[in-house]
């Protein structure tokens, strides 16, 4: 199948499928006489695998490694679990950062009167002057 159909079946934009081919992540099975990239069901499965891994925000290099582990029938699940746990730790760190940002934004939004006065705790917070003009 051509790249458009492969992209559709994998749930990816055509541009992404071409990019993955260009960087050697998932290469087409072949090229047609006209130069079109031809994908088989196996490549589409790899593309869908990568789409799901990227949904968990695994990097391209991580996806390359995960795909290698997926294809290696001699693999140890220990390696896969280690990658998943590392990513989980990164997600937890990001959640902590986002929760802190949320709390700060909620605090300054509550402090802002939202009226016609020019002083604004939200803007002051963004500029690093959160102690100024607190009302």
N, C-alpha and C. Protein backbone atom coordinates (compact mmCIF):
# COMPACT_ATOMS: atom_id res chain seq x y z
N UNK A 1 0.84 -1.17 0.00
CA UNK A 1 0.00 0.00 0.00
C UNK A 1 0.89 1.24 0.00
N UNK A 2 0.37 2.33 -0.55
CA UNK A 2 1.11 3.58 -0.60
C UNK A 2 1.10 4.24 0.77
N UNK A 3 1.93 5.26 0.90
CA UNK A 3 2.14 5.93 2.18
C UNK A 3 0.83 6.50 2.76
N UNK A 4 -0.03 7.02 1.92
CA UNK A 4 -1.29 7.59 2.41
C UNK A 4 -2.16 6.56 3.10
N UNK A 5 -2.28 5.39 2.49
CA UNK A 5 -3.09 4.32 3.08
C UNK A 5 -2.42 3.78 4.34
N UNK A 6 -1.11 3.64 4.31
CA UNK A 6 -0.38 3.17 5.49
C UNK A 6 -0.57 4.14 6.65
N UNK A 7 -0.48 5.43 6.36
CA UNK A 7 -0.66 6.46 7.39
C UNK A 7 -2.06 6.38 7.97
N UNK A 8 -3.04 6.26 7.11
CA UNK A 8 -4.43 6.17 7.56
C UNK A 8 -4.63 4.97 8.47
N UNK A 9 -4.14 3.81 8.07
CA UNK A 9 -4.30 2.60 8.87
C UNK A 9 -3.55 2.68 10.20
N UNK A 10 -2.41 3.37 10.21
CA UNK A 10 -1.62 3.48 11.44
C UNK A 10 -2.11 4.61 12.33
N UNK A 11 -2.97 5.47 11.79
CA UNK A 11 -3.48 6.60 12.57
C UNK A 11 -2.48 7.73 12.70
N UNK A 12 -1.68 7.92 11.65
CA UNK A 12 -0.64 8.95 11.66
C UNK A 12 -0.79 9.86 10.44
N UNK A 13 -0.29 11.09 10.55
CA UNK A 13 -0.24 11.94 9.35
C UNK A 13 0.79 11.39 8.35
N UNK A 14 0.54 11.60 7.08
CA UNK A 14 1.46 11.15 6.04
C UNK A 14 2.85 11.74 6.28
N UNK A 15 2.91 13.00 6.64
CA UNK A 15 4.19 13.67 6.88
C UNK A 15 5.00 12.94 7.96
N UNK A 16 4.33 12.45 8.99
CA UNK A 16 5.01 11.72 10.06
C UNK A 16 5.55 10.39 9.56
N UNK A 17 4.77 9.69 8.76
CA UNK A 17 5.22 8.41 8.20
C UNK A 17 6.45 8.64 7.32
N UNK A 18 6.41 9.69 6.52
CA UNK A 18 7.58 10.00 5.68
C UNK A 18 8.80 10.33 6.54
N UNK A 19 8.56 11.09 7.60
CA UNK A 19 9.66 11.44 8.51
C UNK A 19 10.26 10.18 9.12
N UNK A 20 9.41 9.27 9.60
CA UNK A 20 9.91 8.02 10.19
C UNK A 20 10.72 7.22 9.18
N UNK A 21 10.31 7.26 7.93
CA UNK A 21 11.08 6.57 6.88
C UNK A 21 12.41 7.28 6.65
N UNK A 22 12.38 8.60 6.62
CA UNK A 22 13.60 9.37 6.37
C UNK A 22 14.66 9.16 7.45
N UNK A 23 14.22 8.96 8.70
CA UNK A 23 15.19 8.75 9.79
C UNK A 23 15.46 7.27 10.04
N UNK A 24 14.88 6.41 9.22
CA UNK A 24 15.14 4.98 9.33
C UNK A 24 14.43 4.29 10.47
N UNK A 25 13.39 4.91 11.00
CA UNK A 25 12.65 4.30 12.10
C UNK A 25 11.76 3.16 11.59
N UNK A 26 10.97 3.46 10.59
CA UNK A 26 10.16 2.44 9.90
C UNK A 26 10.29 2.73 8.41
N UNK A 27 11.05 1.89 7.76
CA UNK A 27 11.28 2.09 6.33
C UNK A 27 10.24 1.34 5.52
N UNK A 28 9.88 1.89 4.36
CA UNK A 28 8.92 1.19 3.51
C UNK A 28 9.49 -0.14 3.04
N UNK A 29 8.61 -1.04 2.74
CA UNK A 29 9.01 -2.35 2.23
C UNK A 29 9.78 -2.19 0.92
N UNK A 30 9.28 -1.29 0.09
CA UNK A 30 9.90 -1.08 -1.23
C UNK A 30 9.44 0.26 -1.78
N UNK A 31 9.89 0.53 -2.99
CA UNK A 31 9.42 1.71 -3.73
C UNK A 31 8.86 1.22 -5.06
N UNK A 32 7.79 1.86 -5.48
CA UNK A 32 7.20 1.50 -6.77
C UNK A 32 8.09 2.03 -7.88
N UNK A 33 7.80 1.64 -9.12
CA UNK A 33 8.56 2.13 -10.27
C UNK A 33 8.49 3.66 -10.37
N UNK A 34 7.39 4.21 -9.87
CA UNK A 34 7.21 5.66 -9.90
C UNK A 34 7.84 6.34 -8.68
N UNK A 35 8.44 5.55 -7.79
CA UNK A 35 9.11 6.11 -6.63
C UNK A 35 8.25 6.22 -5.38
N UNK A 36 7.02 5.74 -5.44
CA UNK A 36 6.14 5.79 -4.27
C UNK A 36 6.61 4.79 -3.22
N UNK A 37 6.52 5.18 -1.98
CA UNK A 37 6.85 4.27 -0.88
C UNK A 37 5.73 3.25 -0.74
N UNK A 38 6.13 2.01 -0.64
CA UNK A 38 5.17 0.92 -0.51
C UNK A 38 5.34 0.28 0.87
N UNK A 39 4.24 0.17 1.59
CA UNK A 39 4.25 -0.39 2.94
C UNK A 39 3.42 -1.67 2.98
N UNK A 40 3.89 -2.61 3.78
CA UNK A 40 3.13 -3.84 4.01
C UNK A 40 2.41 -3.71 5.35
N UNK A 41 1.62 -4.71 5.67
CA UNK A 41 0.92 -4.71 6.96
C UNK A 41 1.90 -4.71 8.12
N UNK A 42 3.06 -5.34 7.94
CA UNK A 42 4.07 -5.38 9.00
C UNK A 42 4.59 -3.97 9.32
N UNK A 43 4.85 -3.18 8.29
CA UNK A 43 5.32 -1.81 8.53
C UNK A 43 4.22 -0.96 9.16
N UNK A 44 2.98 -1.17 8.74
CA UNK A 44 1.85 -0.43 9.32
C UNK A 44 1.73 -0.77 10.80
N UNK A 45 1.94 -2.03 11.16
CA UNK A 45 1.90 -2.43 12.57
C UNK A 45 3.00 -1.72 13.36
N UNK A 46 4.18 -1.60 12.77
CA UNK A 46 5.28 -0.89 13.42
C UNK A 46 4.93 0.59 13.59
N UNK A 47 4.33 1.17 12.58
CA UNK A 47 3.93 2.57 12.66
C UNK A 47 2.89 2.78 13.77
N UNK A 48 1.94 1.88 13.87
CA UNK A 48 0.93 1.98 14.93
C UNK A 48 1.57 1.79 16.30
N UNK A 49 2.52 0.89 16.39
CA UNK A 49 3.27 0.65 17.63
C UNK A 49 3.96 1.95 18.06
N UNK A 50 4.61 2.60 17.13
CA UNK A 50 5.31 3.85 17.44
C UNK A 50 4.32 4.95 17.82
N UNK A 51 3.19 5.01 17.12
CA UNK A 51 2.17 6.01 17.47
C UNK A 51 1.74 5.84 18.92
N UNK A 52 1.54 4.61 19.34
CA UNK A 52 1.11 4.37 20.73
C UNK A 52 2.23 4.70 21.71
N UNK A 53 3.47 4.36 21.37
CA UNK A 53 4.60 4.69 22.24
C UNK A 53 4.77 6.20 22.34
N UNK A 54 4.61 6.90 21.23
CA UNK A 54 4.74 8.36 21.23
C UNK A 54 3.61 9.00 22.05
N UNK A 55 2.44 8.35 22.10
CA UNK A 55 1.34 8.87 22.92
C UNK A 55 1.74 8.93 24.39
N UNK A 56 2.66 8.06 24.80
CA UNK A 56 3.20 8.07 26.16
C UNK A 56 4.43 8.98 26.24
N UNK A 57 4.67 9.70 25.15
CA UNK A 57 5.75 10.68 25.05
C UNK A 57 7.15 10.06 25.11
N UNK A 58 7.26 8.82 24.64
CA UNK A 58 8.59 8.24 24.48
C UNK A 58 9.28 8.98 23.34
N UNK A 59 10.56 9.23 23.48
CA UNK A 59 11.32 9.93 22.45
C UNK A 59 11.46 9.03 21.22
N UNK A 60 11.91 9.64 20.14
CA UNK A 60 12.17 8.86 18.92
C UNK A 60 13.21 7.78 19.20
N UNK A 61 14.27 8.14 19.92
CA UNK A 61 15.30 7.15 20.24
C UNK A 61 14.73 6.04 21.12
N UNK A 62 13.89 6.40 22.08
CA UNK A 62 13.23 5.38 22.90
C UNK A 62 12.35 4.48 22.04
N UNK A 63 11.63 5.09 21.10
CA UNK A 63 10.78 4.29 20.20
C UNK A 63 11.61 3.33 19.36
N UNK A 64 12.75 3.80 18.92
CA UNK A 64 13.65 2.95 18.14
C UNK A 64 14.06 1.74 19.00
N UNK A 65 14.41 2.02 20.24
CA UNK A 65 14.82 0.94 21.15
C UNK A 65 13.65 0.01 21.47
N UNK A 66 12.48 0.58 21.75
CA UNK A 66 11.30 -0.24 22.03
C UNK A 66 10.93 -1.11 20.83
N UNK A 67 11.01 -0.53 19.65
CA UNK A 67 10.70 -1.29 18.44
C UNK A 67 11.69 -2.44 18.27
N UNK A 68 12.96 -2.16 18.56
CA UNK A 68 13.96 -3.22 18.50
C UNK A 68 13.66 -4.33 19.49
N UNK A 69 13.27 -3.94 20.69
CA UNK A 69 12.91 -4.94 21.70
C UNK A 69 11.66 -5.72 21.29
N UNK A 70 10.70 -5.02 20.71
CA UNK A 70 9.47 -5.65 20.25
C UNK A 70 9.75 -6.71 19.20
N UNK A 71 10.68 -6.41 18.33
CA UNK A 71 11.00 -7.33 17.24
C UNK A 71 11.94 -8.45 17.67
N UNK A 72 12.61 -8.30 18.79
CA UNK A 72 13.57 -9.28 19.28
C UNK A 72 12.86 -10.31 20.14
N UNK A 73 12.67 -11.49 19.61
CA UNK A 73 11.96 -12.54 20.35
C UNK A 73 12.79 -13.11 21.48
N UNK A 74 14.06 -12.78 21.53
CA UNK A 74 14.96 -13.24 22.59
C UNK A 74 15.06 -12.20 23.72
N UNK A 75 14.31 -11.12 23.61
CA UNK A 75 14.44 -10.01 24.55
C UNK A 75 14.06 -10.42 25.96
N UNK A 76 14.53 -9.61 26.88
CA UNK A 76 14.14 -9.75 28.27
C UNK A 76 13.11 -8.67 28.58
N UNK A 77 12.02 -9.04 29.19
CA UNK A 77 11.01 -8.04 29.53
C UNK A 77 11.55 -7.05 30.56
N UNK A 78 12.63 -7.41 31.22
CA UNK A 78 13.27 -6.53 32.20
C UNK A 78 13.65 -5.21 31.55
N UNK A 79 14.20 -5.28 30.33
CA UNK A 79 14.61 -4.07 29.62
C UNK A 79 13.42 -3.17 29.29
N UNK A 80 12.34 -3.79 28.88
CA UNK A 80 11.13 -3.04 28.53
C UNK A 80 10.55 -2.40 29.79
N UNK A 81 10.49 -3.15 30.86
CA UNK A 81 9.95 -2.63 32.10
C UNK A 81 10.79 -1.46 32.61
N UNK A 82 12.09 -1.56 32.51
CA UNK A 82 12.98 -0.49 32.95
C UNK A 82 12.68 0.80 32.17
N UNK A 83 12.46 0.68 30.88
CA UNK A 83 12.13 1.86 30.08
C UNK A 83 10.79 2.44 30.49
N UNK A 84 9.83 1.56 30.73
CA UNK A 84 8.50 2.03 31.13
C UNK A 84 8.55 2.72 32.50
N UNK A 85 9.30 2.15 33.43
CA UNK A 85 9.40 2.75 34.76
C UNK A 85 10.12 4.10 34.70
N UNK A 86 11.13 4.20 33.86
CA UNK A 86 11.84 5.48 33.70
C UNK A 86 10.88 6.52 33.14
N UNK A 87 10.10 6.15 32.14
CA UNK A 87 9.13 7.09 31.55
C UNK A 87 8.07 7.47 32.58
N UNK A 88 7.63 6.51 33.38
CA UNK A 88 6.64 6.77 34.42
C UNK A 88 7.17 7.79 35.43
N UNK A 89 8.44 7.66 35.77
CA UNK A 89 9.08 8.62 36.68
C UNK A 89 9.09 10.02 36.06
N UNK A 90 9.39 10.09 34.77
CA UNK A 90 9.39 11.39 34.08
C UNK A 90 7.98 11.99 34.05
N UNK A 91 6.98 11.16 33.83
CA UNK A 91 5.60 11.62 33.82
C UNK A 91 5.21 12.15 35.21
N UNK A 92 5.61 11.43 36.25
CA UNK A 92 5.31 11.87 37.62
C UNK A 92 5.97 13.22 37.91
N UNK A 93 7.20 13.41 37.45
CA UNK A 93 7.88 14.70 37.63
C UNK A 93 7.13 15.81 36.91
N UNK A 94 6.70 15.53 35.69
CA UNK A 94 5.96 16.53 34.92
C UNK A 94 4.62 16.85 35.58
N UNK A 95 3.95 15.82 36.10
CA UNK A 95 2.69 16.05 36.81
C UNK A 95 2.90 16.93 38.03
N UNK A 96 3.99 16.71 38.74
CA UNK A 96 4.30 17.53 39.91
C UNK A 96 4.52 18.98 39.49
N UNK A 97 5.27 19.18 38.41
CA UNK A 97 5.50 20.53 37.89
C UNK A 97 4.18 21.18 37.48
N UNK A 98 3.34 20.44 36.79
CA UNK A 98 2.06 20.98 36.33
C UNK A 98 1.15 21.31 37.51
N UNK A 99 1.15 20.46 38.53
CA UNK A 99 0.33 20.74 39.72
C UNK A 99 0.81 22.01 40.42
N UNK A 100 2.12 22.22 40.49
CA UNK A 100 2.65 23.43 41.10
C UNK A 100 2.27 24.65 40.27
N UNK A 101 2.36 24.54 38.95
CA UNK A 101 1.95 25.64 38.08
C UNK A 101 0.47 25.95 38.22
N UNK A 102 -0.33 24.89 38.30
CA UNK A 102 -1.77 25.07 38.45
C UNK A 102 -2.09 25.79 39.75
N UNK A 103 -1.44 25.36 40.83
CA UNK A 103 -1.69 25.98 42.13
C UNK A 103 -1.30 27.46 42.10
N UNK A 104 -0.17 27.79 41.51
CA UNK A 104 0.27 29.18 41.43
C UNK A 104 -0.68 30.02 40.58
N UNK A 105 -1.10 29.48 39.44
CA UNK A 105 -2.01 30.21 38.58
C UNK A 105 -3.37 30.40 39.26
N UNK A 106 -3.84 29.38 39.95
CA UNK A 106 -5.11 29.51 40.69
C UNK A 106 -4.98 30.58 41.77
N UNK A 107 -3.83 30.62 42.43
CA UNK A 107 -3.62 31.62 43.49
C UNK A 107 -3.65 33.03 42.93
N UNK A 108 -2.89 33.29 41.86
CA UNK A 108 -2.86 34.65 41.32
C UNK A 108 -4.17 35.04 40.66
N UNK A 109 -4.86 34.08 40.06
CA UNK A 109 -6.17 34.37 39.47
C UNK A 109 -7.17 34.76 40.56
N UNK A 110 -7.07 34.11 41.69
CA UNK A 110 -7.96 34.43 42.82
C UNK A 110 -7.65 35.83 43.35
N UNK A 111 -6.36 36.20 43.36
CA UNK A 111 -5.95 37.51 43.86
C UNK A 111 -6.31 38.65 42.91
N UNK A 112 -6.50 38.33 41.64
CA UNK A 112 -6.82 39.36 40.65
C UNK A 112 -8.30 39.73 40.78
N UNK A 113 -8.55 41.04 40.88
CA UNK A 113 -9.93 41.51 41.02
C UNK A 113 -10.70 41.41 39.71
N UNK A 114 -10.00 41.42 38.60
CA UNK A 114 -10.67 41.32 37.31
C UNK A 114 -11.56 42.52 37.02
N UNK A 115 -11.14 43.68 37.50
CA UNK A 115 -11.95 44.87 37.30
C UNK A 115 -11.21 45.84 36.36
N UNK A 116 -11.55 47.10 36.43
CA UNK A 116 -10.97 48.09 35.51
C UNK A 116 -9.64 48.65 35.99
N UNK A 117 -9.19 48.25 37.19
CA UNK A 117 -7.91 48.74 37.69
C UNK A 117 -6.76 48.12 36.89
N UNK A 118 -5.65 48.88 36.74
CA UNK A 118 -4.53 48.35 35.94
C UNK A 118 -3.66 47.33 36.67
N UNK A 119 -3.66 47.34 37.99
CA UNK A 119 -2.80 46.39 38.71
C UNK A 119 -3.37 44.98 38.56
N UNK A 120 -2.46 44.04 38.31
CA UNK A 120 -2.91 42.67 38.05
C UNK A 120 -1.89 41.68 38.62
N UNK A 121 -2.28 40.96 39.65
CA UNK A 121 -1.37 39.96 40.23
C UNK A 121 -0.93 38.88 39.23
N UNK A 122 -1.75 38.60 38.24
CA UNK A 122 -1.40 37.58 37.25
C UNK A 122 -0.20 38.05 36.43
N UNK A 123 -0.31 39.28 35.88
CA UNK A 123 0.79 39.82 35.09
C UNK A 123 2.03 40.03 35.94
N UNK A 124 1.85 40.48 37.17
CA UNK A 124 2.98 40.66 38.07
C UNK A 124 3.69 39.33 38.32
N UNK A 125 2.92 38.27 38.47
CA UNK A 125 3.50 36.95 38.68
C UNK A 125 4.31 36.51 37.47
N UNK A 126 3.76 36.74 36.28
CA UNK A 126 4.47 36.35 35.05
C UNK A 126 5.77 37.12 34.90
N UNK A 127 5.79 38.37 35.37
CA UNK A 127 6.99 39.19 35.22
C UNK A 127 8.00 38.95 36.34
N UNK A 128 7.63 38.11 37.31
CA UNK A 128 8.52 37.82 38.42
C UNK A 128 8.35 38.79 39.57
N UNK A 129 7.34 39.61 39.50
CA UNK A 129 7.08 40.60 40.54
C UNK A 129 5.79 40.26 41.29
N UNK A 130 5.63 39.02 41.68
CA UNK A 130 4.37 38.61 42.28
C UNK A 130 4.10 39.29 43.61
N UNK A 131 5.12 39.87 44.22
CA UNK A 131 4.88 40.56 45.49
C UNK A 131 4.36 41.98 45.26
N UNK A 132 4.48 42.51 44.04
CA UNK A 132 4.01 43.85 43.75
C UNK A 132 2.52 43.91 43.58
N UNK A 133 1.93 44.96 44.01
CA UNK A 133 0.52 45.24 43.78
C UNK A 133 -0.42 44.14 44.24
N UNK A 134 -0.05 43.40 45.23
CA UNK A 134 -0.98 42.39 45.74
C UNK A 134 -2.08 43.11 46.48
N UNK A 135 -3.32 42.80 46.16
CA UNK A 135 -4.44 43.46 46.83
C UNK A 135 -5.42 42.43 47.30
